């Protein structure tokens, strides 16, 4: 299964995996969604995330959400 990667423009730390290249089942509450890439069949997803869990969530819900940590602001920049 190909896994399509999206990023929310409403929340810059929020990303999603989807089963279709349009992200048609991604939650509208975090739209718009921008495509960011594709994980080809048999290849590992980014950030050491579980491919089995991602594929399971896509089969059940049509997507899986994940977050990236925001970069810490250095004291000198604060």
PDB file of N, CA and C in Angstrom:
ATOM      1  N   UNK A   1       0.842  -1.187   0.000  1.00  0.00           N
ATOM      2  CA  UNK A   1       0.000   0.000   0.000  1.00  0.00           C
ATOM      3  C   UNK A   1       0.884   1.246   0.000  1.00  0.00           C
ATOM      4  N   UNK A   2       0.568   2.191  -0.873  1.00  0.00           N
ATOM      5  CA  UNK A   2       1.218   3.501  -0.818  1.00  0.00           C
ATOM      6  C   UNK A   2       0.566   4.299   0.297  1.00  0.00           C
ATOM      7  N   UNK A   3       1.372   5.061   1.011  1.00  0.00           N
ATOM      8  CA  UNK A   3       0.872   5.927   2.077  1.00  0.00           C
ATOM      9  C   UNK A   3       1.204   7.358   1.680  1.00  0.00           C
ATOM     10  N   UNK A   4       0.189   8.191   1.647  1.00  0.00           N
ATOM     11  CA  UNK A   4       0.362   9.590   1.250  1.00  0.00           C
ATOM     12  C   UNK A   4       0.493  10.453   2.495  1.00  0.00           C
ATOM     13  N   UNK A   5       1.429  11.387   2.467  1.00  0.00           N
ATOM     14  CA  UNK A   5       1.710  12.251   3.617  1.00  0.00           C
ATOM     15  C   UNK A   5       1.188  13.657   3.324  1.00  0.00           C
ATOM     16  N   UNK A   6       0.496  14.227   4.326  1.00  0.00           N
ATOM     17  CA  UNK A   6      -0.058  15.574   4.223  1.00  0.00           C
ATOM     18  C   UNK A   6       0.340  16.393   5.438  1.00  0.00           C
ATOM     19  N   UNK A   7       0.289  17.713   5.280  1.00  0.00           N
ATOM     20  CA  UNK A   7       0.549  18.648   6.375  1.00  0.00           C
ATOM     21  C   UNK A   7      -0.621  19.614   6.446  1.00  0.00           C
ATOM     22  N   UNK A   8      -1.088  19.860   7.663  1.00  0.00           N
ATOM     23  CA  UNK A   8      -2.184  20.799   7.870  1.00  0.00           C
ATOM     24  C   UNK A   8      -1.664  22.228   7.769  1.00  0.00           C
ATOM     25  N   UNK A   9      -2.380  23.062   7.036  1.00  0.00           N
ATOM     26  CA  UNK A   9      -2.039  24.486   7.009  1.00  0.00           C
ATOM     27  C   UNK A   9      -2.666  25.214   8.193  1.00  0.00           C
ATOM     28  N   UNK A  10      -3.642  24.602   8.847  1.00  0.00           N
ATOM     29  CA  UNK A  10      -4.293  25.207  10.007  1.00  0.00           C
ATOM     30  C   UNK A  10      -3.466  25.024  11.281  1.00  0.00           C
ATOM     31  N   UNK A  11      -2.630  23.981  11.315  1.00  0.00           N
ATOM     32  CA  UNK A  11      -1.809  23.678  12.489  1.00  0.00           C
ATOM     33  C   UNK A  11      -0.482  23.141  11.962  1.00  0.00           C
ATOM     34  N   UNK A  12       0.566  23.946  12.016  1.00  0.00           N
ATOM     35  CA  UNK A  12       1.826  23.573  11.371  1.00  0.00           C
ATOM     36  C   UNK A  12       2.540  22.382  11.994  1.00  0.00           C
ATOM     37  N   UNK A  13       2.121  21.924  13.159  1.00  0.00           N
ATOM     38  CA  UNK A  13       2.732  20.743  13.769  1.00  0.00           C
ATOM     39  C   UNK A  13       1.972  19.463  13.423  1.00  0.00           C
ATOM     40  N   UNK A  14       0.823  19.588  12.763  1.00  0.00           N
ATOM     41  CA  UNK A  14      -0.032  18.437  12.494  1.00  0.00           C
ATOM     42  C   UNK A  14       0.181  17.904  11.083  1.00  0.00           C
ATOM     43  N   UNK A  15       0.359  16.599  11.010  1.00  0.00           N
ATOM     44  CA  UNK A  15       0.549  15.898   9.742  1.00  0.00           C
ATOM     45  C   UNK A  15      -0.425  14.732   9.699  1.00  0.00           C
ATOM     46  N   UNK A  16      -0.577  14.147   8.525  1.00  0.00           N
ATOM     47  CA  UNK A  16      -1.464  13.002   8.388  1.00  0.00           C
ATOM     48  C   UNK A  16      -0.942  12.048   7.337  1.00  0.00           C
ATOM     49  N   UNK A  17      -1.279  10.785   7.530  1.00  0.00           N
ATOM     50  CA  UNK A  17      -1.082   9.761   6.522  1.00  0.00           C
ATOM     51  C   UNK A  17      -2.459   9.443   5.973  1.00  0.00           C
ATOM     52  N   UNK A  18      -2.546   9.224   4.673  1.00  0.00           N
ATOM     53  CA  UNK A  18      -3.817   8.894   4.041  1.00  0.00           C
ATOM     54  C   UNK A  18      -3.613   7.793   3.014  1.00  0.00           C
ATOM     55  N   UNK A  19      -4.704   7.152   2.654  1.00  0.00           N
ATOM     56  CA  UNK A  19      -4.652   6.064   1.690  1.00  0.00           C
ATOM     57  C   UNK A  19      -4.853   6.503   0.254  1.00  0.00           C
ATOM     58  N   UNK A  20      -5.204   7.767   0.035  1.00  0.00           N
ATOM     59  CA  UNK A  20      -5.390   8.249  -1.330  1.00  0.00           C
ATOM     60  C   UNK A  20      -4.645   9.559  -1.523  1.00  0.00           C
ATOM     61  N   UNK A  21      -4.244   9.820  -2.749  1.00  0.00           N
ATOM     62  CA  UNK A  21      -3.408  10.989  -3.021  1.00  0.00           C
ATOM     63  C   UNK A  21      -4.145  12.306  -2.857  1.00  0.00           C
ATOM     64  N   UNK A  22      -5.473  12.292  -2.801  1.00  0.00           N
ATOM     65  CA  UNK A  22      -6.250  13.514  -2.589  1.00  0.00           C
ATOM     66  C   UNK A  22      -6.499  13.796  -1.111  1.00  0.00           C
ATOM     67  N   UNK A  23      -6.243  12.806  -0.250  1.00  0.00           N
ATOM     68  CA  UNK A  23      -6.526  12.977   1.174  1.00  0.00           C
ATOM     69  C   UNK A  23      -8.004  13.219   1.417  1.00  0.00           C
ATOM     70  N   UNK A  24      -8.846  12.545   0.664  1.00  0.00           N
ATOM     71  CA  UNK A  24     -10.288  12.810   0.687  1.00  0.00           C
ATOM     72  C   UNK A  24     -10.959  12.526   2.023  1.00  0.00           C
ATOM     73  N   UNK A  25     -10.336  11.722   2.874  1.00  0.00           N
ATOM     74  CA  UNK A  25     -10.953  11.395   4.165  1.00  0.00           C
ATOM     75  C   UNK A  25     -10.284  12.103   5.348  1.00  0.00           C
ATOM     76  N   UNK A  26      -9.383  13.036   5.064  1.00  0.00           N
ATOM     77  CA  UNK A  26      -8.718  13.779   6.146  1.00  0.00           C
ATOM     78  C   UNK A  26      -9.727  14.683   6.845  1.00  0.00           C
ATOM     79  N   UNK A  27      -9.557  14.915   8.159  1.00  0.00           N
ATOM     80  CA  UNK A  27     -10.511  15.730   8.905  1.00  0.00           C
ATOM     81  C   UNK A  27     -10.562  17.186   8.433  1.00  0.00           C
ATOM     82  N   UNK A  28     -11.763  17.641   8.131  1.00  0.00           N
ATOM     83  CA  UNK A  28     -11.962  19.005   7.616  1.00  0.00           C
ATOM     84  C   UNK A  28     -11.599  20.065   8.650  1.00  0.00           C
ATOM     85  N   UNK A  29     -11.663  19.731   9.925  1.00  0.00           N
ATOM     86  CA  UNK A  29     -11.358  20.690  10.978  1.00  0.00           C
ATOM     87  C   UNK A  29      -9.928  21.206  10.960  1.00  0.00           C
ATOM     88  N   UNK A  30      -9.045  20.500  10.275  1.00  0.00           N
ATOM     89  CA  UNK A  30      -7.641  20.913  10.199  1.00  0.00           C
ATOM     90  C   UNK A  30      -7.232  21.282   8.771  1.00  0.00           C
ATOM     91  N   UNK A  31      -8.210  21.427   7.898  1.00  0.00           N
ATOM     92  CA  UNK A  31      -7.949  21.781   6.494  1.00  0.00           C
ATOM     93  C   UNK A  31      -7.541  23.239   6.399  1.00  0.00           C
ATOM     94  N   UNK A  32      -6.894  23.632   5.345  1.00  0.00           N
ATOM     95  CA  UNK A  32      -6.531  22.828   4.184  1.00  0.00           C
ATOM     96  C   UNK A  32      -5.319  21.937   4.453  1.00  0.00           C
ATOM     97  N   UNK A  33      -5.267  20.839   3.710  1.00  0.00           N
ATOM     98  CA  UNK A  33      -4.178  19.879   3.792  1.00  0.00           C
ATOM     99  C   UNK A  33      -3.310  19.995   2.550  1.00  0.00           C
ATOM    100  N   UNK A  34      -2.007  20.029   2.732  1.00  0.00           N
ATOM    101  CA  UNK A  34      -1.064  20.102   1.612  1.00  0.00           C
ATOM    102  C   UNK A  34      -0.321  18.777   1.490  1.00  0.00           C
ATOM    103  N   UNK A  35      -0.250  18.234   0.280  1.00  0.00           N
ATOM    104  CA  UNK A  35       0.520  17.001   0.107  1.00  0.00           C
ATOM    105  C   UNK A  35       2.004  17.256   0.361  1.00  0.00           C
ATOM    106  N   UNK A  36       2.641  16.287   1.040  1.00  0.00           N
ATOM    107  CA  UNK A  36       4.061  16.417   1.361  1.00  0.00           C
ATOM    108  C   UNK A  36       4.910  15.292   0.821  1.00  0.00           C
ATOM    109  N   UNK A  37       4.293  14.198   0.415  1.00  0.00           N
ATOM    110  CA  UNK A  37       5.084  13.094  -0.104  1.00  0.00           C
ATOM    111  C   UNK A  37       4.337  11.788  -0.085  1.00  0.00           C
ATOM    112  N   UNK A  38       5.064  10.746  -0.458  1.00  0.00           N
ATOM    113  CA  UNK A  38       4.504   9.401  -0.543  1.00  0.00           C
ATOM    114  C   UNK A  38       5.510   8.422   0.045  1.00  0.00           C
ATOM    115  N   UNK A  39       4.997   7.459   0.788  1.00  0.00           N
ATOM    116  CA  UNK A  39       5.818   6.341   1.253  1.00  0.00           C
ATOM    117  C   UNK A  39       5.416   5.154   0.382  1.00  0.00           C
ATOM    118  N   UNK A  40       6.330   4.706  -0.433  1.00  0.00           N
ATOM    119  CA  UNK A  40       6.045   3.588  -1.340  1.00  0.00           C
ATOM    120  C   UNK A  40       5.840   2.293  -0.553  1.00  0.00           C
ATOM    121  N   UNK A  41       5.127   1.359  -1.157  1.00  0.00           N
ATOM    122  CA  UNK A  41       4.881   0.051  -0.543  1.00  0.00           C
ATOM    123  C   UNK A  41       6.210  -0.593  -0.155  1.00  0.00           C
ATOM    124  N   UNK A  42       6.255  -1.128   1.050  1.00  0.00           N
ATOM    125  CA  UNK A  42       7.455  -1.804   1.520  1.00  0.00           C
ATOM    126  C   UNK A  42       8.530  -0.899   2.092  1.00  0.00           C
ATOM    127  N   UNK A  43       8.356   0.412   1.999  1.00  0.00           N
ATOM    128  CA  UNK A  43       9.340   1.366   2.534  1.00  0.00           C
ATOM    129  C   UNK A  43       8.893   1.818   3.930  1.00  0.00           C
ATOM    130  N   UNK A  44       9.840   2.155   4.794  1.00  0.00           N
ATOM    131  CA  UNK A  44       9.459   2.595   6.149  1.00  0.00           C
ATOM    132  C   UNK A  44       8.928   4.039   6.141  1.00  0.00           C
ATOM    133  N   UNK A  45       7.940   4.320   6.979  1.00  0.00           N
ATOM    134  CA  UNK A  45       7.451   5.696   7.125  1.00  0.00           C
ATOM    135  C   UNK A  45       8.493   6.567   7.835  1.00  0.00           C
ATOM    136  N   UNK A  46       8.322   7.873   7.781  1.00  0.00           N
ATOM    137  CA  UNK A  46       9.276   8.759   8.462  1.00  0.00           C
ATOM    138  C   UNK A  46       9.192   8.639   9.985  1.00  0.00           C
ATOM    139  N   UNK A  47      10.234   9.073  10.643  1.00  0.00           N
ATOM    140  CA  UNK A  47      10.304   9.190  12.098  1.00  0.00           C
ATOM    141  C   UNK A  47      10.127   7.862  12.822  1.00  0.00           C
ATOM    142  N   UNK A  48      10.454   6.773  12.139  1.00  0.00           N
ATOM    143  CA  UNK A  48      10.391   5.448  12.754  1.00  0.00           C
ATOM    144  C   UNK A  48       8.977   5.081  13.240  1.00  0.00           C
ATOM    145  N   UNK A  49       7.956   5.621  12.586  1.00  0.00           N
ATOM    146  CA  UNK A  49       6.576   5.302  12.937  1.00  0.00           C
ATOM    147  C   UNK A  49       6.213   3.919  12.397  1.00  0.00           C
ATOM    148  N   UNK A  50       5.272   3.250  13.033  1.00  0.00           N
ATOM    149  CA  UNK A  50       4.896   1.887  12.684  1.00  0.00           C
ATOM    150  C   UNK A  50       4.034   1.841  11.421  1.00  0.00           C
ATOM    151  N   UNK A  51       4.554   1.210  10.394  1.00  0.00           N
ATOM    152  CA  UNK A  51       3.801   1.064   9.151  1.00  0.00           C
ATOM    153  C   UNK A  51       2.532   0.236   9.376  1.00  0.00           C
ATOM    154  N   UNK A  52       2.609  -0.793  10.197  1.00  0.00           N
ATOM    155  CA  UNK A  52       1.447  -1.649  10.471  1.00  0.00           C
ATOM    156  C   UNK A  52       0.324  -0.836  11.108  1.00  0.00           C
ATOM    157  N   UNK A  53       0.652  -0.004  12.069  1.00  0.00           N
ATOM    158  CA  UNK A  53      -0.370   0.830  12.727  1.00  0.00           C
ATOM    159  C   UNK A  53      -0.940   1.875  11.779  1.00  0.00           C
ATOM    160  N   UNK A  54      -0.089   2.458  10.956  1.00  0.00           N
ATOM    161  CA  UNK A  54      -0.548   3.460   9.994  1.00  0.00           C
ATOM    162  C   UNK A  54      -1.518   2.822   9.012  1.00  0.00           C
ATOM    163  N   UNK A  55      -1.143   1.679   8.451  1.00  0.00           N
ATOM    164  CA  UNK A  55      -2.017   1.006   7.491  1.00  0.00           C
ATOM    165  C   UNK A  55      -3.325   0.575   8.136  1.00  0.00           C
ATOM    166  N   UNK A  56      -3.268   0.130   9.396  1.00  0.00           N
ATOM    167  CA  UNK A  56      -4.496  -0.246  10.114  1.00  0.00           C
ATOM    168  C   UNK A  56      -5.434   0.936  10.299  1.00  0.00           C
ATOM    169  N   UNK A  57      -4.878   2.078  10.686  1.00  0.00           N
ATOM    170  CA  UNK A  57      -5.696   3.280  10.873  1.00  0.00           C
ATOM    171  C   UNK A  57      -6.302   3.737   9.552  1.00  0.00           C
ATOM    172  N   UNK A  58      -5.528   3.647   8.476  1.00  0.00           N
ATOM    173  CA  UNK A  58      -6.037   4.042   7.163  1.00  0.00           C
ATOM    174  C   UNK A  58      -7.192   3.128   6.753  1.00  0.00           C
ATOM    175  N   UNK A  59      -7.062   1.840   7.007  1.00  0.00           N
ATOM    176  CA  UNK A  59      -8.151   0.908   6.665  1.00  0.00           C
ATOM    177  C   UNK A  59      -9.416   1.191   7.470  1.00  0.00           C
ATOM    178  N   UNK A  60      -9.261   1.536   8.749  1.00  0.00           N
ATOM    179  CA  UNK A  60     -10.414   1.785   9.620  1.00  0.00           C
ATOM    180  C   UNK A  60     -11.016   3.174   9.443  1.00  0.00           C
ATOM    181  N   UNK A  61     -10.174   4.211   9.358  1.00  0.00           N
ATOM    182  CA  UNK A  61     -10.652   5.593   9.368  1.00  0.00           C
ATOM    183  C   UNK A  61     -10.363   6.362   8.088  1.00  0.00           C
ATOM    184  N   UNK A  62      -9.436   5.860   7.299  1.00  0.00           N
ATOM    185  CA  UNK A  62      -9.047   6.562   6.084  1.00  0.00           C
ATOM    186  C   UNK A  62      -7.846   7.466   6.261  1.00  0.00           C
ATOM    187  N   UNK A  63      -7.338   7.581   7.498  1.00  0.00           N
ATOM    188  CA  UNK A  63      -6.189   8.442   7.772  1.00  0.00           C
ATOM    189  C   UNK A  63      -5.612   8.117   9.137  1.00  0.00           C
ATOM    190  N   UNK A  64      -4.415   8.646   9.402  1.00  0.00           N
ATOM    191  CA  UNK A  64      -3.833   8.667  10.750  1.00  0.00           C
ATOM    192  C   UNK A  64      -3.122   9.994  10.921  1.00  0.00           C
ATOM    193  N   UNK A  65      -3.396  10.661  12.030  1.00  0.00           N
ATOM    194  CA  UNK A  65      -2.752  11.940  12.334  1.00  0.00           C
ATOM    195  C   UNK A  65      -1.481  11.711  13.136  1.00  0.00           C
ATOM    196  N   UNK A  66      -0.535  12.617  13.002  1.00  0.00           N
ATOM    197  CA  UNK A  66       0.680  12.618  13.829  1.00  0.00           C
ATOM    198  C   UNK A  66       1.196  14.041  13.921  1.00  0.00           C
ATOM    199  N   UNK A  67       1.916  14.315  15.000  1.00  0.00           N
ATOM    200  CA  UNK A  67       2.434  15.660  15.255  1.00  0.00           C
ATOM    201  C   UNK A  67       3.954  15.648  15.294  1.00  0.00           C
ATOM    202  N   UNK A  68       4.509  16.778  14.920  1.00  0.00           N
ATOM    203  CA  UNK A  68       5.940  16.996  15.108  1.00  0.00           C
ATOM    204  C   UNK A  68       6.097  17.950  16.282  1.00  0.00           C
ATOM    205  N   UNK A  69       7.204  17.828  16.968  1.00  0.00           N
ATOM    206  CA  UNK A  69       7.466  18.746  18.071  1.00  0.00           C
ATOM    207  C   UNK A  69       7.873  20.089  17.496  1.00  0.00           C
ATOM    208  N   UNK A  70       7.404  21.129  18.122  1.00  0.00           N
ATOM    209  CA  UNK A  70       7.805  22.483  17.696  1.00  0.00           C
ATOM    210  C   UNK A  70       9.222  22.736  18.188  1.00  0.00           C
ATOM    211  N   UNK A  71       9.987  23.442  17.412  1.00  0.00           N
ATOM    212  CA  UNK A  71      11.362  23.773  17.791  1.00  0.00           C
ATOM    213  C   UNK A  71      11.354  24.688  19.005  1.00  0.00           C
ATOM    214  N   UNK A  72      12.231  24.424  19.936  1.00  0.00           N
ATOM    215  CA  UNK A  72      12.333  25.253  21.133  1.00  0.00           C
ATOM    216  C   UNK A  72      12.984  26.590  20.760  1.00  0.00           C
ATOM    217  N   UNK A  73      12.492  27.652  21.363  1.00  0.00           N
ATOM    218  CA  UNK A  73      13.073  28.987  21.133  1.00  0.00           C
ATOM    219  C   UNK A  73      14.228  29.152  22.095  1.00  0.00           C
ATOM    220  N   UNK A  74      15.377  29.550  21.574  1.00  0.00           N
ATOM    221  CA  UNK A  74      16.547  29.774  22.416  1.00  0.00           C
ATOM    222  C   UNK A  74      16.296  30.965  23.341  1.00  0.00           C
ATOM    223  N   UNK A  75      16.887  30.931  24.524  1.00  0.00           N
ATOM    224  CA  UNK A  75      16.701  32.021  25.483  1.00  0.00           C
ATOM    225  C   UNK A  75      17.083  33.378  24.911  1.00  0.00           C
ATOM    226  N   UNK A  76      18.101  33.410  24.080  1.00  0.00           N
ATOM    227  CA  UNK A  76      18.556  34.681  23.524  1.00  0.00           C
ATOM    228  C   UNK A  76      17.548  35.239  22.502  1.00  0.00           C
ATOM    229  N   UNK A  77      16.701  34.393  21.952  1.00  0.00           N
ATOM    230  CA  UNK A  77      15.710  34.815  20.984  1.00  0.00           C
ATOM    231  C   UNK A  77      14.382  35.169  21.630  1.00  0.00           C
ATOM    232  N   UNK A  78      14.165  34.734  22.836  1.00  0.00           N
ATOM    233  CA  UNK A  78      12.868  34.924  23.504  1.00  0.00           C
ATOM    234  C   UNK A  78      12.611  36.329  23.932  1.00  0.00           C
TER     235      UNK A  78
END
